């Protein structure tokens, strides 16, 4: 995926993860993008460890892996964006 694809993918994944973790009102666009991209990396790493496939483009399995990674990231860090 290219840079623009990662930004769009990260924005969507970060937004969904922030809604799941009930932090949507505290996170802005840039925080959602960063959370989604980091979630894709974390989720892909964890998926590869357990023998699955990581993030490989715009498909359902990549979104699920990235959302799980983003939720884990938000849960561990407790990231709360400043309004």
PDB file of N, CA and C in Angstrom:
ATOM      1  N   UNK A   1       0.837  -1.170   0.000  1.00  0.00           N
ATOM      2  CA  UNK A   1       0.000   0.000   0.000  1.00  0.00           C
ATOM      3  C   UNK A   1       0.887   1.240   0.000  1.00  0.00           C
ATOM      4  N   UNK A   2       0.429   2.259  -0.676  1.00  0.00           N
ATOM      5  CA  UNK A   2       1.162   3.509  -0.747  1.00  0.00           C
ATOM      6  C   UNK A   2       0.872   4.397   0.449  1.00  0.00           C
ATOM      7  N   UNK A   3       1.504   5.536   0.476  1.00  0.00           N
ATOM      8  CA  UNK A   3       1.370   6.455   1.602  1.00  0.00           C
ATOM      9  C   UNK A   3      -0.070   6.942   1.773  1.00  0.00           C
ATOM     10  N   UNK A   4      -0.705   7.331   0.692  1.00  0.00           N
ATOM     11  CA  UNK A   4      -2.093   7.815   0.771  1.00  0.00           C
ATOM     12  C   UNK A   4      -3.023   6.699   1.236  1.00  0.00           C
ATOM     13  N   UNK A   5      -2.776   5.483   0.759  1.00  0.00           N
ATOM     14  CA  UNK A   5      -3.593   4.341   1.177  1.00  0.00           C
ATOM     15  C   UNK A   5      -3.460   4.095   2.674  1.00  0.00           C
ATOM     16  N   UNK A   6      -2.245   4.195   3.206  1.00  0.00           N
ATOM     17  CA  UNK A   6      -2.037   4.010   4.644  1.00  0.00           C
ATOM     18  C   UNK A   6      -2.745   5.096   5.437  1.00  0.00           C
ATOM     19  N   UNK A   7      -2.750   6.321   4.946  1.00  0.00           N
ATOM     20  CA  UNK A   7      -3.421   7.416   5.644  1.00  0.00           C
ATOM     21  C   UNK A   7      -4.928   7.186   5.687  1.00  0.00           C
ATOM     22  N   UNK A   8      -5.521   6.823   4.556  1.00  0.00           N
ATOM     23  CA  UNK A   8      -6.963   6.568   4.503  1.00  0.00           C
ATOM     24  C   UNK A   8      -7.317   5.349   5.351  1.00  0.00           C
ATOM     25  N   UNK A   9      -6.544   4.275   5.199  1.00  0.00           N
ATOM     26  CA  UNK A   9      -6.748   3.049   5.960  1.00  0.00           C
ATOM     27  C   UNK A   9      -6.640   3.354   7.457  1.00  0.00           C
ATOM     28  N   UNK A  10      -5.605   4.099   7.844  1.00  0.00           N
ATOM     29  CA  UNK A  10      -5.412   4.446   9.250  1.00  0.00           C
ATOM     30  C   UNK A  10      -6.537   5.296   9.801  1.00  0.00           C
ATOM     31  N   UNK A  11      -7.033   6.221   9.001  1.00  0.00           N
ATOM     32  CA  UNK A  11      -8.130   7.076   9.456  1.00  0.00           C
ATOM     33  C   UNK A  11      -9.385   6.262   9.737  1.00  0.00           C
ATOM     34  N   UNK A  12      -9.708   5.352   8.847  1.00  0.00           N
ATOM     35  CA  UNK A  12     -10.910   4.524   9.024  1.00  0.00           C
ATOM     36  C   UNK A  12     -10.746   3.586  10.215  1.00  0.00           C
ATOM     37  N   UNK A  13      -9.615   2.898  10.280  1.00  0.00           N
ATOM     38  CA  UNK A  13      -9.367   1.949  11.370  1.00  0.00           C
ATOM     39  C   UNK A  13      -9.296   2.669  12.713  1.00  0.00           C
ATOM     40  N   UNK A  14      -8.587   3.788  12.764  1.00  0.00           N
ATOM     41  CA  UNK A  14      -8.477   4.542  14.009  1.00  0.00           C
ATOM     42  C   UNK A  14      -9.812   5.054  14.494  1.00  0.00           C
ATOM     43  N   UNK A  15     -10.639   5.499  13.568  1.00  0.00           N
ATOM     44  CA  UNK A  15     -11.974   5.991  13.922  1.00  0.00           C
ATOM     45  C   UNK A  15     -12.824   4.871  14.514  1.00  0.00           C
ATOM     46  N   UNK A  16     -12.811   3.702  13.869  1.00  0.00           N
ATOM     47  CA  UNK A  16     -13.590   2.561  14.364  1.00  0.00           C
ATOM     48  C   UNK A  16     -13.072   2.116  15.728  1.00  0.00           C
ATOM     49  N   UNK A  17     -11.739   2.029  15.874  1.00  0.00           N
ATOM     50  CA  UNK A  17     -11.165   1.614  17.155  1.00  0.00           C
ATOM     51  C   UNK A  17     -11.489   2.617  18.262  1.00  0.00           C
ATOM     52  N   UNK A  18     -11.467   3.912  17.941  1.00  0.00           N
ATOM     53  CA  UNK A  18     -11.788   4.915  18.957  1.00  0.00           C
ATOM     54  C   UNK A  18     -13.255   4.834  19.369  1.00  0.00           C
ATOM     55  N   UNK A  19     -14.136   4.457  18.458  1.00  0.00           N
ATOM     56  CA  UNK A  19     -15.546   4.263  18.816  1.00  0.00           C
ATOM     57  C   UNK A  19     -15.704   3.025  19.688  1.00  0.00           C
ATOM     58  N   UNK A  20     -14.976   1.957  19.369  1.00  0.00           N
ATOM     59  CA  UNK A  20     -15.046   0.738  20.174  1.00  0.00           C
ATOM     60  C   UNK A  20     -14.565   1.011  21.602  1.00  0.00           C
ATOM     61  N   UNK A  21     -13.489   1.792  21.724  1.00  0.00           N
ATOM     62  CA  UNK A  21     -12.912   2.088  23.037  1.00  0.00           C
ATOM     63  C   UNK A  21     -13.566   3.295  23.707  1.00  0.00           C
ATOM     64  N   UNK A  22     -14.626   3.826  23.114  1.00  0.00           N
ATOM     65  CA  UNK A  22     -15.388   4.960  23.654  1.00  0.00           C
ATOM     66  C   UNK A  22     -14.502   6.189  23.859  1.00  0.00           C
ATOM     67  N   UNK A  23     -13.650   6.472  22.878  1.00  0.00           N
ATOM     68  CA  UNK A  23     -12.782   7.648  22.940  1.00  0.00           C
ATOM     69  C   UNK A  23     -12.956   8.530  21.709  1.00  0.00           C
ATOM     70  N   UNK A  24     -14.003   8.337  20.969  1.00  0.00           N
ATOM     71  CA  UNK A  24     -14.187   9.064  19.721  1.00  0.00           C
ATOM     72  C   UNK A  24     -14.293  10.567  19.933  1.00  0.00           C
ATOM     73  N   UNK A  25     -14.897  10.989  21.021  1.00  0.00           N
ATOM     74  CA  UNK A  25     -15.069  12.423  21.250  1.00  0.00           C
ATOM     75  C   UNK A  25     -13.772  13.110  21.663  1.00  0.00           C
ATOM     76  N   UNK A  26     -12.764  12.348  22.060  1.00  0.00           N
ATOM     77  CA  UNK A  26     -11.502  12.931  22.511  1.00  0.00           C
ATOM     78  C   UNK A  26     -10.395  12.836  21.471  1.00  0.00           C
ATOM     79  N   UNK A  27     -10.636  12.166  20.369  1.00  0.00           N
ATOM     80  CA  UNK A  27      -9.586  11.959  19.377  1.00  0.00           C
ATOM     81  C   UNK A  27      -9.901  12.745  18.114  1.00  0.00           C
ATOM     82  N   UNK A  28      -8.923  13.427  17.600  1.00  0.00           N
ATOM     83  CA  UNK A  28      -9.078  14.169  16.364  1.00  0.00           C
ATOM     84  C   UNK A  28      -8.662  13.321  15.167  1.00  0.00           C
ATOM     85  N   UNK A  29      -8.666  13.934  14.028  1.00  0.00           N
ATOM     86  CA  UNK A  29      -8.354  13.238  12.779  1.00  0.00           C
ATOM     87  C   UNK A  29      -6.927  12.692  12.774  1.00  0.00           C
ATOM     88  N   UNK A  30      -5.969  13.495  13.170  1.00  0.00           N
ATOM     89  CA  UNK A  30      -4.581  13.037  13.169  1.00  0.00           C
ATOM     90  C   UNK A  30      -4.349  11.913  14.166  1.00  0.00           C
ATOM     91  N   UNK A  31      -5.000  11.983  15.319  1.00  0.00           N
ATOM     92  CA  UNK A  31      -4.872  10.908  16.306  1.00  0.00           C
ATOM     93  C   UNK A  31      -5.498   9.618  15.775  1.00  0.00           C
ATOM     94  N   UNK A  32      -6.613   9.721  15.063  1.00  0.00           N
ATOM     95  CA  UNK A  32      -7.224   8.541  14.467  1.00  0.00           C
ATOM     96  C   UNK A  32      -6.319   7.921  13.408  1.00  0.00           C
ATOM     97  N   UNK A  33      -5.706   8.746  12.576  1.00  0.00           N
ATOM     98  CA  UNK A  33      -4.798   8.237  11.542  1.00  0.00           C
ATOM     99  C   UNK A  33      -3.614   7.525  12.188  1.00  0.00           C
ATOM    100  N   UNK A  34      -2.998   8.174  13.181  1.00  0.00           N
ATOM    101  CA  UNK A  34      -1.844   7.573  13.853  1.00  0.00           C
ATOM    102  C   UNK A  34      -2.229   6.279  14.546  1.00  0.00           C
ATOM    103  N   UNK A  35      -3.368   6.264  15.211  1.00  0.00           N
ATOM    104  CA  UNK A  35      -3.834   5.055  15.890  1.00  0.00           C
ATOM    105  C   UNK A  35      -4.091   3.930  14.894  1.00  0.00           C
ATOM    106  N   UNK A  36      -4.695   4.246  13.768  1.00  0.00           N
ATOM    107  CA  UNK A  36      -4.970   3.233  12.755  1.00  0.00           C
ATOM    108  C   UNK A  36      -3.718   2.657  12.133  1.00  0.00           C
ATOM    109  N   UNK A  37      -2.755   3.507  11.835  1.00  0.00           N
ATOM    110  CA  UNK A  37      -1.505   3.032  11.237  1.00  0.00           C
ATOM    111  C   UNK A  37      -0.730   2.186  12.247  1.00  0.00           C
ATOM    112  N   UNK A  38      -0.622   2.670  13.481  1.00  0.00           N
ATOM    113  CA  UNK A  38       0.064   1.897  14.518  1.00  0.00           C
ATOM    114  C   UNK A  38      -0.691   0.599  14.794  1.00  0.00           C
ATOM    115  N   UNK A  39      -2.011   0.663  14.779  1.00  0.00           N
ATOM    116  CA  UNK A  39      -2.818  -0.551  14.959  1.00  0.00           C
ATOM    117  C   UNK A  39      -2.588  -1.561  13.856  1.00  0.00           C
ATOM    118  N   UNK A  40      -2.407  -1.088  12.630  1.00  0.00           N
ATOM    119  CA  UNK A  40      -2.094  -1.995  11.524  1.00  0.00           C
ATOM    120  C   UNK A  40      -0.760  -2.690  11.714  1.00  0.00           C
ATOM    121  N   UNK A  41       0.212  -1.945  12.211  1.00  0.00           N
ATOM    122  CA  UNK A  41       1.537  -2.525  12.460  1.00  0.00           C
ATOM    123  C   UNK A  41       1.466  -3.534  13.611  1.00  0.00           C
ATOM    124  N   UNK A  42       0.823  -3.130  14.711  1.00  0.00           N
ATOM    125  CA  UNK A  42       0.711  -4.009  15.880  1.00  0.00           C
ATOM    126  C   UNK A  42      -0.102  -5.256  15.531  1.00  0.00           C
ATOM    127  N   UNK A  43      -1.237  -5.060  14.899  1.00  0.00           N
ATOM    128  CA  UNK A  43      -2.080  -6.193  14.524  1.00  0.00           C
ATOM    129  C   UNK A  43      -1.401  -7.118  13.534  1.00  0.00           C
ATOM    130  N   UNK A  44      -0.701  -6.551  12.557  1.00  0.00           N
ATOM    131  CA  UNK A  44       0.032  -7.371  11.595  1.00  0.00           C
ATOM    132  C   UNK A  44       1.137  -8.167  12.250  1.00  0.00           C
ATOM    133  N   UNK A  45       1.848  -7.537  13.183  1.00  0.00           N
ATOM    134  CA  UNK A  45       2.911  -8.232  13.912  1.00  0.00           C
ATOM    135  C   UNK A  45       2.345  -9.399  14.718  1.00  0.00           C
ATOM    136  N   UNK A  46       1.261  -9.145  15.448  1.00  0.00           N
ATOM    137  CA  UNK A  46       0.648 -10.201  16.255  1.00  0.00           C
ATOM    138  C   UNK A  46       0.056 -11.317  15.392  1.00  0.00           C
ATOM    139  N   UNK A  47      -0.532 -10.952  14.263  1.00  0.00           N
ATOM    140  CA  UNK A  47      -1.091 -11.961  13.361  1.00  0.00           C
ATOM    141  C   UNK A  47       0.009 -12.842  12.787  1.00  0.00           C
ATOM    142  N   UNK A  48       1.152 -12.257  12.454  1.00  0.00           N
ATOM    143  CA  UNK A  48       2.267 -13.043  11.937  1.00  0.00           C
ATOM    144  C   UNK A  48       2.835 -13.972  13.002  1.00  0.00           C
ATOM    145  N   UNK A  49       2.830 -13.538  14.250  1.00  0.00           N
ATOM    146  CA  UNK A  49       3.333 -14.385  15.333  1.00  0.00           C
ATOM    147  C   UNK A  49       2.483 -15.641  15.491  1.00  0.00           C
ATOM    148  N   UNK A  50       1.161 -15.493  15.383  1.00  0.00           N
ATOM    149  CA  UNK A  50       0.288 -16.654  15.567  1.00  0.00           C
ATOM    150  C   UNK A  50       0.050 -17.432  14.274  1.00  0.00           C
ATOM    151  N   UNK A  51       0.728 -17.042  13.225  1.00  0.00           N
ATOM    152  CA  UNK A  51       0.658 -17.796  11.976  1.00  0.00           C
ATOM    153  C   UNK A  51      -0.360 -17.301  10.969  1.00  0.00           C
ATOM    154  N   UNK A  52      -0.969 -16.171  11.217  1.00  0.00           N
ATOM    155  CA  UNK A  52      -1.944 -15.618  10.288  1.00  0.00           C
ATOM    156  C   UNK A  52      -1.293 -14.650   9.318  1.00  0.00           C
ATOM    157  N   UNK A  53      -2.131 -13.967   8.577  1.00  0.00           N
ATOM    158  CA  UNK A  53      -1.648 -12.972   7.629  1.00  0.00           C
ATOM    159  C   UNK A  53      -1.834 -11.590   8.230  1.00  0.00           C
ATOM    160  N   UNK A  54      -0.884 -10.723   7.992  1.00  0.00           N
ATOM    161  CA  UNK A  54      -0.953  -9.357   8.497  1.00  0.00           C
ATOM    162  C   UNK A  54      -1.806  -8.489   7.604  1.00  0.00           C
ATOM    163  N   UNK A  55      -1.533  -7.222   7.622  1.00  0.00           N
ATOM    164  CA  UNK A  55      -2.248  -6.257   6.798  1.00  0.00           C
ATOM    165  C   UNK A  55      -1.656  -6.298   5.399  1.00  0.00           C
ATOM    166  N   UNK A  56      -2.500  -6.621   4.425  1.00  0.00           N
ATOM    167  CA  UNK A  56      -2.008  -6.803   3.059  1.00  0.00           C
ATOM    168  C   UNK A  56      -2.761  -5.969   2.039  1.00  0.00           C
ATOM    169  N   UNK A  57      -3.459  -4.962   2.460  1.00  0.00           N
ATOM    170  CA  UNK A  57      -4.188  -4.104   1.532  1.00  0.00           C
ATOM    171  C   UNK A  57      -5.579  -3.808   2.057  1.00  0.00           C
ATOM    172  N   UNK A  58      -6.405  -3.253   1.192  1.00  0.00           N
ATOM    173  CA  UNK A  58      -7.784  -2.939   1.557  1.00  0.00           C
ATOM    174  C   UNK A  58      -8.640  -4.176   1.380  1.00  0.00           C
ATOM    175  N   UNK A  59      -8.755  -4.973   2.426  1.00  0.00           N
ATOM    176  CA  UNK A  59      -9.657  -6.123   2.425  1.00  0.00           C
ATOM    177  C   UNK A  59     -10.165  -6.334   3.847  1.00  0.00           C
ATOM    178  N   UNK A  60     -11.149  -7.189   3.993  1.00  0.00           N
ATOM    179  CA  UNK A  60     -11.815  -7.371   5.281  1.00  0.00           C
ATOM    180  C   UNK A  60     -10.850  -7.901   6.331  1.00  0.00           C
ATOM    181  N   UNK A  61     -10.031  -8.880   5.984  1.00  0.00           N
ATOM    182  CA  UNK A  61      -9.125  -9.450   6.981  1.00  0.00           C
ATOM    183  C   UNK A  61      -8.108  -8.416   7.462  1.00  0.00           C
ATOM    184  N   UNK A  62      -7.636  -7.567   6.568  1.00  0.00           N
ATOM    185  CA  UNK A  62      -6.703  -6.510   6.974  1.00  0.00           C
ATOM    186  C   UNK A  62      -7.364  -5.518   7.916  1.00  0.00           C
ATOM    187  N   UNK A  63      -8.627  -5.165   7.643  1.00  0.00           N
ATOM    188  CA  UNK A  63      -9.341  -4.251   8.521  1.00  0.00           C
ATOM    189  C   UNK A  63      -9.534  -4.862   9.907  1.00  0.00           C
ATOM    190  N   UNK A  64      -9.902  -6.140   9.962  1.00  0.00           N
ATOM    191  CA  UNK A  64     -10.112  -6.803  11.250  1.00  0.00           C
ATOM    192  C   UNK A  64      -8.811  -6.848  12.043  1.00  0.00           C
ATOM    193  N   UNK A  65      -7.718  -7.243  11.387  1.00  0.00           N
ATOM    194  CA  UNK A  65      -6.415  -7.317  12.049  1.00  0.00           C
ATOM    195  C   UNK A  65      -5.993  -5.938  12.551  1.00  0.00           C
ATOM    196  N   UNK A  66      -6.156  -4.916  11.729  1.00  0.00           N
ATOM    197  CA  UNK A  66      -5.754  -3.569  12.110  1.00  0.00           C
ATOM    198  C   UNK A  66      -6.626  -3.009  13.234  1.00  0.00           C
ATOM    199  N   UNK A  67      -7.908  -3.277  13.202  1.00  0.00           N
ATOM    200  CA  UNK A  67      -8.802  -2.800  14.263  1.00  0.00           C
ATOM    201  C   UNK A  67      -8.446  -3.465  15.587  1.00  0.00           C
ATOM    202  N   UNK A  68      -8.185  -4.766  15.561  1.00  0.00           N
ATOM    203  CA  UNK A  68      -7.775  -5.467  16.781  1.00  0.00           C
ATOM    204  C   UNK A  68      -6.472  -4.866  17.307  1.00  0.00           C
ATOM    205  N   UNK A  69      -5.515  -4.623  16.410  1.00  0.00           N
ATOM    206  CA  UNK A  69      -4.256  -4.011  16.821  1.00  0.00           C
ATOM    207  C   UNK A  69      -4.446  -2.618  17.385  1.00  0.00           C
ATOM    208  N   UNK A  70      -5.324  -1.827  16.784  1.00  0.00           N
ATOM    209  CA  UNK A  70      -5.577  -0.462  17.263  1.00  0.00           C
ATOM    210  C   UNK A  70      -6.266  -0.471  18.620  1.00  0.00           C
ATOM    211  N   UNK A  71      -7.192  -1.389  18.820  1.00  0.00           N
ATOM    212  CA  UNK A  71      -7.865  -1.496  20.123  1.00  0.00           C
ATOM    213  C   UNK A  71      -6.855  -1.904  21.195  1.00  0.00           C
ATOM    214  N   UNK A  72      -5.973  -2.847  20.866  1.00  0.00           N
ATOM    215  CA  UNK A  72      -4.918  -3.240  21.805  1.00  0.00           C
ATOM    216  C   UNK A  72      -4.022  -2.048  22.111  1.00  0.00           C
ATOM    217  N   UNK A  73      -3.638  -1.315  21.067  1.00  0.00           N
ATOM    218  CA  UNK A  73      -2.788  -0.129  21.253  1.00  0.00           C
ATOM    219  C   UNK A  73      -3.458   0.895  22.159  1.00  0.00           C
ATOM    220  N   UNK A  74      -4.730   1.195  21.912  1.00  0.00           N
ATOM    221  CA  UNK A  74      -5.442   2.163  22.743  1.00  0.00           C
ATOM    222  C   UNK A  74      -5.606   1.664  24.170  1.00  0.00           C
ATOM    223  N   UNK A  75      -5.836   0.369  24.318  1.00  0.00           N
ATOM    224  CA  UNK A  75      -5.986  -0.200  25.653  1.00  0.00           C
ATOM    225  C   UNK A  75      -4.701  -0.165  26.455  1.00  0.00           C
ATOM    226  N   UNK A  76      -3.578  -0.430  25.808  1.00  0.00           N
ATOM    227  CA  UNK A  76      -2.292  -0.443  26.510  1.00  0.00           C
ATOM    228  C   UNK A  76      -1.834   0.972  26.841  1.00  0.00           C
ATOM    229  N   UNK A  77      -1.902   1.849  25.875  1.00  0.00           N
ATOM    230  CA  UNK A  77      -1.366   3.191  26.083  1.00  0.00           C
ATOM    231  C   UNK A  77      -2.327   4.108  26.822  1.00  0.00           C
ATOM    232  N   UNK A  78      -3.602   3.837  26.722  1.00  0.00           N
ATOM    233  CA  UNK A  78      -4.566   4.746  27.329  1.00  0.00           C
ATOM    234  C   UNK A  78      -4.540   6.113  26.667  1.00  0.00           C
ATOM    235  N   UNK A  79      -4.200   6.131  25.358  1.00  0.00           N
ATOM    236  CA  UNK A  79      -4.026   7.371  24.619  1.00  0.00           C
ATOM    237  C   UNK A  79      -5.287   8.211  24.698  1.00  0.00           C
ATOM    238  N   UNK A  80      -5.145   9.390  25.198  1.00  0.00           N
ATOM    239  CA  UNK A  80      -6.248  10.334  25.255  1.00  0.00           C
ATOM    240  C   UNK A  80      -5.783  11.612  24.583  1.00  0.00           C
ATOM    241  N   UNK A  81      -6.348  11.880  23.436  1.00  0.00           N
ATOM    242  CA  UNK A  81      -5.943  13.054  22.668  1.00  0.00           C
ATOM    243  C   UNK A  81      -6.474  14.327  23.330  1.00  0.00           C
ATOM    244  N   UNK A  82      -5.722  15.377  23.202  1.00  0.00           N
ATOM    245  CA  UNK A  82      -6.130  16.673  23.754  1.00  0.00           C
ATOM    246  C   UNK A  82      -7.119  17.308  22.791  1.00  0.00           C
ATOM    247  N   UNK A  83      -8.175  17.893  23.319  1.00  0.00           N
ATOM    248  CA  UNK A  83      -9.193  18.499  22.467  1.00  0.00           C
ATOM    249  C   UNK A  83      -8.672  19.692  21.769  1.00  0.00           C
TER     250      UNK A  83
END
